[in-house]
PDB file of N, CA and C in Angstrom:
ATOM      1  N   LEU A   1     132.566  54.522-221.160  1.00  0.00           N
ATOM      2  CA  LEU A   1     133.138  53.276-220.670  1.00  0.00           C
ATOM      3  C   LEU A   1     132.712  52.126-221.567  1.00  0.00           C
ATOM      4  N   LEU A   2     133.629  51.212-221.781  1.00  0.00           N
ATOM      5  CA  LEU A   2     133.323  50.021-222.554  1.00  0.00           C
ATOM      6  C   LEU A   2     132.621  49.004-221.664  1.00  0.00           C
ATOM      7  N   PRO A   3     131.717  48.211-222.202  1.00  0.00           N
ATOM      8  CA  PRO A   3     131.047  47.193-221.388  1.00  0.00           C
ATOM      9  C   PRO A   3     132.017  46.112-220.920  1.00  0.00           C
ATOM     10  N   ALA A   4     131.669  45.485-219.811  1.00  0.00           N
ATOM     11  CA  ALA A   4     132.508  44.424-219.243  1.00  0.00           C
ATOM     12  C   ALA A   4     131.754  43.104-219.262  1.00  0.00           C
ATOM     13  N   LYS A   5     132.502  42.018-219.357  1.00  0.00           N
ATOM     14  CA  LYS A   5     131.927  40.674-219.299  1.00  0.00           C
ATOM     15  C   LYS A   5     132.299  40.071-217.951  1.00  0.00           C
ATOM     16  N   LEU A   6     131.306  39.786-217.135  1.00  0.00           N
ATOM     17  CA  LEU A   6     131.544  39.259-215.793  1.00  0.00           C
ATOM     18  C   LEU A   6     132.055  37.823-215.850  1.00  0.00           C
ATOM     19  N   VAL A   7     133.244  37.633-215.281  1.00  0.00           N
ATOM     20  CA  VAL A   7     133.845  36.306-215.173  1.00  0.00           C
ATOM     21  C   VAL A   7     134.066  35.966-213.705  1.00  0.00           C
ATOM     22  N   ASN A   8     134.593  36.926-212.941  1.00  0.00           N
ATOM     23  CA  ASN A   8     134.936  36.694-211.541  1.00  0.00           C
ATOM     24  C   ASN A   8     134.935  38.038-210.816  1.00  0.00           C
ATOM     25  N   MET A   9     134.124  38.167-209.768  1.00  0.00           N
ATOM     26  CA  MET A   9     134.012  39.451-209.071  1.00  0.00           C
ATOM     27  C   MET A   9     135.105  39.680-208.031  1.00  0.00           C
ATOM     28  N   THR A  10     135.916  38.679-207.770  1.00  0.00           N
ATOM     29  CA  THR A  10     136.971  38.812-206.771  1.00  0.00           C
ATOM     30  C   THR A  10     137.943  39.916-207.171  1.00  0.00           C
ATOM     31  N   GLY A  11     138.165  40.855-206.270  1.00  0.00           N
ATOM     32  CA  GLY A  11     139.119  41.932-206.511  1.00  0.00           C
ATOM     33  C   GLY A  11     138.533  43.174-207.149  1.00  0.00           C
ATOM     34  N   ALA A  12     137.236  43.169-207.455  1.00  0.00           N
ATOM     35  CA  ALA A  12     136.626  44.323-208.118  1.00  0.00           C
ATOM     36  C   ALA A  12     136.691  45.582-207.253  1.00  0.00           C
ATOM     37  N   GLY A  13     136.396  45.449-205.976  1.00  0.00           N
ATOM     38  CA  GLY A  13     136.441  46.605-205.076  1.00  0.00           C
ATOM     39  C   GLY A  13     137.856  47.118-204.871  1.00  0.00           C
ATOM     40  N   ASP A  14     138.789  46.203-204.751  1.00  0.00           N
ATOM     41  CA  ASP A  14     140.195  46.600-204.600  1.00  0.00           C
ATOM     42  C   ASP A  14     140.685  47.333-205.846  1.00  0.00           C
ATOM     43  N   ALA A  15     140.306  46.833-207.018  1.00  0.00           N
ATOM     44  CA  ALA A  15     140.709  47.485-208.267  1.00  0.00           C
ATOM     45  C   ALA A  15     140.080  48.870-208.376  1.00  0.00           C
ATOM     46  N   MET A  16     138.826  48.990-207.944  1.00  0.00           N
ATOM     47  CA  MET A  16     138.144  50.291-207.962  1.00  0.00           C
ATOM     48  C   MET A  16     138.902  51.293-207.097  1.00  0.00           C
ATOM     49  N   MET A  17     139.230  50.893-205.876  1.00  0.00           N
ATOM     50  CA  MET A  17     139.934  51.802-204.967  1.00  0.00           C
ATOM     51  C   MET A  17     141.342  52.116-205.465  1.00  0.00           C
ATOM     52  N   ALA A  18     142.005  51.151-206.052  1.00  0.00           N
ATOM     53  CA  ALA A  18     143.339  51.405-206.608  1.00  0.00           C
ATOM     54  C   ALA A  18     143.257  52.416-207.743  1.00  0.00           C
ATOM     55  N   GLY A  19     142.258  52.263-208.606  1.00  0.00           N
ATOM     56  CA  GLY A  19     142.075  53.205-209.707  1.00  0.00           C
ATOM     57  C   GLY A  19     141.762  54.605-209.222  1.00  0.00           C
ATOM     58  N   VAL A  20     140.861  54.704-208.258  1.00  0.00           N
ATOM     59  CA  VAL A  20     140.493  56.009-207.691  1.00  0.00           C
ATOM     60  C   VAL A  20     141.703  56.658-207.034  1.00  0.00           C
ATOM     61  N   THR A  21     142.425  55.895-206.245  1.00  0.00           N
ATOM     62  CA  THR A  21     143.599  56.431-205.547  1.00  0.00           C
ATOM     63  C   THR A  21     144.657  56.894-206.536  1.00  0.00           C
ATOM     64  N   TRP A  22     144.927  56.081-207.546  1.00  0.00           N
ATOM     65  CA  TRP A  22     145.927  56.452-208.545  1.00  0.00           C
ATOM     66  C   TRP A  22     145.511  57.726-209.275  1.00  0.00           C
ATOM     67  N   ALA A  23     144.258  57.783-209.733  1.00  0.00           N
ATOM     68  CA  ALA A  23     143.788  58.958-210.480  1.00  0.00           C
ATOM     69  C   ALA A  23     143.835  60.219-209.617  1.00  0.00           C
ATOM     70  N   TYR A  24     143.455  60.089-208.357  1.00  0.00           N
ATOM     71  CA  TYR A  24     143.493  61.234-207.434  1.00  0.00           C
ATOM     72  C   TYR A  24     144.921  61.751-207.275  1.00  0.00           C
ATOM     73  N   THR A  25     145.867  60.837-207.120  1.00  0.00           N
ATOM     74  CA  THR A  25     147.259  61.265-206.933  1.00  0.00           C
ATOM     75  C   THR A  25     147.861  61.850-208.213  1.00  0.00           C
ATOM     76  N   GLN A  26     147.224  61.581-209.352  1.00  0.00           N
ATOM     77  CA  GLN A  26     147.674  62.151-210.619  1.00  0.00           C
ATOM     78  C   GLN A  26     147.047  63.518-210.885  1.00  0.00           C
ATOM     79  N   GLY A  27     146.173  63.966-209.972  1.00  0.00           N
ATOM     80  CA  GLY A  27     145.545  65.277-210.115  1.00  0.00           C
ATOM     81  C   GLY A  27     144.374  65.307-211.079  1.00  0.00           C
ATOM     82  N   MET A  28     143.771  64.153-211.325  1.00  0.00           N
ATOM     83  CA  MET A  28     142.626  64.105-212.235  1.00  0.00           C
ATOM     84  C   MET A  28     141.404  64.729-211.576  1.00  0.00           C
ATOM     85  N   THR A  29     140.441  65.116-212.406  1.00  0.00           N
ATOM     86  CA  THR A  29     139.200  65.684-211.890  1.00  0.00           C
ATOM     87  C   THR A  29     138.406  64.595-211.168  1.00  0.00           C
ATOM     88  N   LEU A  30     137.387  65.011-210.437  1.00  0.00           N
ATOM     89  CA  LEU A  30     136.538  64.053-209.730  1.00  0.00           C
ATOM     90  C   LEU A  30     135.875  63.094-210.719  1.00  0.00           C
ATOM     91  N   GLU A  31     135.394  63.631-211.830  1.00  0.00           N
ATOM     92  CA  GLU A  31     134.758  62.785-212.839  1.00  0.00           C
ATOM     93  C   GLU A  31     135.754  61.782-213.423  1.00  0.00           C
ATOM     94  N   GLN A  32     136.941  62.242-213.764  1.00  0.00           N
ATOM     95  CA  GLN A  32     137.963  61.348-214.308  1.00  0.00           C
ATOM     96  C   GLN A  32     138.362  60.289-213.287  1.00  0.00           C
ATOM     97  N   THR A  33     138.464  60.699-212.029  1.00  0.00           N
ATOM     98  CA  THR A  33     138.814  59.763-210.963  1.00  0.00           C
ATOM     99  C   THR A  33     137.782  58.644-210.870  1.00  0.00           C
ATOM    100  N   GLY A  34     136.508  59.010-210.927  1.00  0.00           N
ATOM    101  CA  GLY A  34     135.444  58.007-210.905  1.00  0.00           C
ATOM    102  C   GLY A  34     135.499  57.079-212.102  1.00  0.00           C
ATOM    103  N   LEU A  35     135.736  57.647-213.276  1.00  0.00           N
ATOM    104  CA  LEU A  35     135.818  56.834-214.493  1.00  0.00           C
ATOM    105  C   LEU A  35     136.976  55.848-214.440  1.00  0.00           C
ATOM    106  N   VAL A  36     138.109  56.293-213.924  1.00  0.00           N
ATOM    107  CA  VAL A  36     139.267  55.399-213.806  1.00  0.00           C
ATOM    108  C   VAL A  36     138.952  54.265-212.831  1.00  0.00           C
ATOM    109  N   GLY A  37     138.329  54.579-211.704  1.00  0.00           N
ATOM    110  CA  GLY A  37     137.965  53.548-210.738  1.00  0.00           C
ATOM    111  C   GLY A  37     137.014  52.520-211.320  1.00  0.00           C
ATOM    112  N   ILE A  38     136.000  53.000-212.027  1.00  0.00           N
ATOM    113  CA  ILE A  38     135.027  52.097-212.646  1.00  0.00           C
ATOM    114  C   ILE A  38     135.691  51.260-213.736  1.00  0.00           C
ATOM    115  N   ALA A  39     136.554  51.890-214.524  1.00  0.00           N
ATOM    116  CA  ALA A  39     137.243  51.158-215.593  1.00  0.00           C
ATOM    117  C   ALA A  39     138.130  50.056-215.021  1.00  0.00           C
ATOM    118  N   ALA A  40     138.867  50.371-213.964  1.00  0.00           N
ATOM    119  CA  ALA A  40     139.732  49.363-213.340  1.00  0.00           C
ATOM    120  C   ALA A  40     138.903  48.211-212.784  1.00  0.00           C
ATOM    121  N   SER A  41     137.798  48.548-212.145  1.00  0.00           N
ATOM    122  CA  SER A  41     136.923  47.523-211.588  1.00  0.00           C
ATOM    123  C   SER A  41     136.323  46.649-212.688  1.00  0.00           C
ATOM    124  N   SER A  42     135.895  47.282-213.773  1.00  0.00           N
ATOM    125  CA  SER A  42     135.292  46.508-214.865  1.00  0.00           C
ATOM    126  C   SER A  42     136.312  45.584-215.524  1.00  0.00           C
ATOM    127  N   MET A  43     137.561  46.007-215.565  1.00  0.00           N
ATOM    128  CA  MET A  43     138.601  45.125-216.103  1.00  0.00           C
ATOM    129  C   MET A  43     138.895  43.979-215.141  1.00  0.00           C
ATOM    130  N   ALA A  44     138.851  44.265-213.854  1.00  0.00           N
ATOM    131  CA  ALA A  44     139.139  43.234-212.850  1.00  0.00           C
ATOM    132  C   ALA A  44     138.143  42.082-212.933  1.00  0.00           C
ATOM    133  N   ILE A  45     136.867  42.378-213.197  1.00  0.00           N
ATOM    134  CA  ILE A  45     135.847  41.322-213.211  1.00  0.00           C
ATOM    135  C   ILE A  45     135.910  40.453-214.461  1.00  0.00           C
ATOM    136  N   GLU A  46     136.706  40.848-215.426  1.00  0.00           N
ATOM    137  CA  GLU A  46     136.813  40.073-216.660  1.00  0.00           C
ATOM    138  C   GLU A  46     137.878  38.979-216.605  1.00  0.00           C
ATOM    139  N   GLY A  47     138.671  38.945-215.548  1.00  0.00           N
ATOM    140  CA  GLY A  47     139.738  37.956-215.444  1.00  0.00           C
ATOM    141  C   GLY A  47     139.346  36.747-214.624  1.00  0.00           C
ATOM    142  N   GLU A  48     139.915  35.616-214.948  1.00  0.00           N
ATOM    143  CA  GLU A  48     139.673  34.383-214.199  1.00  0.00           C
ATOM    144  C   GLU A  48     140.358  34.420-212.838  1.00  0.00           C
ATOM    145  N   ASP A  49     141.506  35.083-212.771  1.00  0.00           N
ATOM    146  CA  ASP A  49     142.294  35.124-211.544  1.00  0.00           C
ATOM    147  C   ASP A  49     141.897  36.314-210.677  1.00  0.00           C
ATOM    148  N   THR A  50     142.405  36.323-209.444  1.00  0.00           N
ATOM    149  CA  THR A  50     142.135  37.430-208.532  1.00  0.00           C
ATOM    150  C   THR A  50     142.623  38.744-209.117  1.00  0.00           C
ATOM    151  N   ILE A  51     143.764  38.728-209.787  1.00  0.00           N
ATOM    152  CA  ILE A  51     144.298  39.916-210.448  1.00  0.00           C
ATOM    153  C   ILE A  51     144.328  39.645-211.947  1.00  0.00           C
ATOM    154  N   ASN A  52     143.587  40.431-212.701  1.00  0.00           N
ATOM    155  CA  ASN A  52     143.543  40.275-214.151  1.00  0.00           C
ATOM    156  C   ASN A  52     144.878  40.724-214.738  1.00  0.00           C
ATOM    157  N   GLY A  53     145.551  39.844-215.432  1.00  0.00           N
ATOM    158  CA  GLY A  53     146.846  40.150-216.024  1.00  0.00           C
ATOM    159  C   GLY A  53     146.800  41.233-217.089  1.00  0.00           C
ATOM    160  N   GLU A  54     145.617  41.522-217.609  1.00  0.00           N
ATOM    161  CA  GLU A  54     145.457  42.565-218.625  1.00  0.00           C
ATOM    162  C   GLU A  54     145.308  43.955-218.005  1.00  0.00           C
ATOM    163  N   LEU A  55     145.190  44.014-216.687  1.00  0.00           N
ATOM    164  CA  LEU A  55     144.954  45.278-215.987  1.00  0.00           C
ATOM    165  C   LEU A  55     146.248  46.082-215.897  1.00  0.00           C
ATOM    166  N   ASN A  56     146.286  47.211-216.606  1.00  0.00           N
ATOM    167  CA  ASN A  56     147.436  48.116-216.549  1.00  0.00           C
ATOM    168  C   ASN A  56     146.951  49.541-216.803  1.00  0.00           C
ATOM    169  N   VAL A  57     147.777  50.507-216.487  1.00  0.00           N
ATOM    170  CA  VAL A  57     147.374  51.915-216.563  1.00  0.00           C
ATOM    171  C   VAL A  57     146.882  52.291-217.960  1.00  0.00           C
ATOM    172  N   GLU A  58     147.612  51.902-218.980  1.00  0.00           N
ATOM    173  CA  GLU A  58     147.242  52.282-220.343  1.00  0.00           C
ATOM    174  C   GLU A  58     145.859  51.749-220.718  1.00  0.00           C
ATOM    175  N   GLU A  59     145.594  50.492-220.381  1.00  0.00           N
ATOM    176  CA  GLU A  59     144.303  49.891-220.717  1.00  0.00           C
ATOM    177  C   GLU A  59     143.165  50.487-219.888  1.00  0.00           C
ATOM    178  N   VAL A  60     143.441  50.809-218.635  1.00  0.00           N
ATOM    179  CA  VAL A  60     142.412  51.428-217.787  1.00  0.00           C
ATOM    180  C   VAL A  60     142.036  52.800-218.338  1.00  0.00           C
ATOM    181  N   ILE A  61     143.025  53.606-218.693  1.00  0.00           N
ATOM    182  CA  ILE A  61     142.768  54.935-219.252  1.00  0.00           C
ATOM    183  C   ILE A  61     141.977  54.816-220.556  1.00  0.00           C
ATOM    184  N   LYS A  62     142.354  53.854-221.374  1.00  0.00           N
ATOM    185  CA  LYS A  62     141.642  53.629-222.637  1.00  0.00           C
ATOM    186  C   LYS A  62     140.185  53.265-222.369  1.00  0.00           C
ATOM    187  N   ARG A  63     139.968  52.358-221.434  1.00  0.00           N
ATOM    188  CA  ARG A  63     138.601  51.942-221.124  1.00  0.00           C
ATOM    189  C   ARG A  63     137.799  53.079-220.509  1.00  0.00           C
ATOM    190  N   ALA A  64     138.460  53.901-219.709  1.00  0.00           N
ATOM    191  CA  ALA A  64     137.772  55.036-219.078  1.00  0.00           C
ATOM    192  C   ALA A  64     137.395  56.103-220.104  1.00  0.00           C
ATOM    193  N   GLY A  65     138.066  56.091-221.239  1.00  0.00           N
ATOM    194  CA  GLY A  65     137.751  57.058-222.281  1.00  0.00           C
ATOM    195  C   GLY A  65     138.267  58.457-222.001  1.00  0.00           C
ATOM    196  N   ILE A  66     139.376  58.518-221.266  1.00  0.00           N
ATOM    197  CA  ILE A  66     139.947  59.843-220.959  1.00  0.00           C
ATOM    198  C   ILE A  66     141.361  59.954-221.492  1.00  0.00           C
TER     199      ILE A  66
END
């Protein structure tokens, strides 16, 4: 996982659960599911807004390293 720069913690838990849920429905392994959740959460905390505009599937997968 790439390091994150904390800007705003709002939405971090929601992003984590969205990432976990998405990865689970894609049939990813438990480890991959966790990595996707953490990656989504780490991206969420880097945005000024409640929803980071940079947060998308391709970037989350890249950050998760899978």
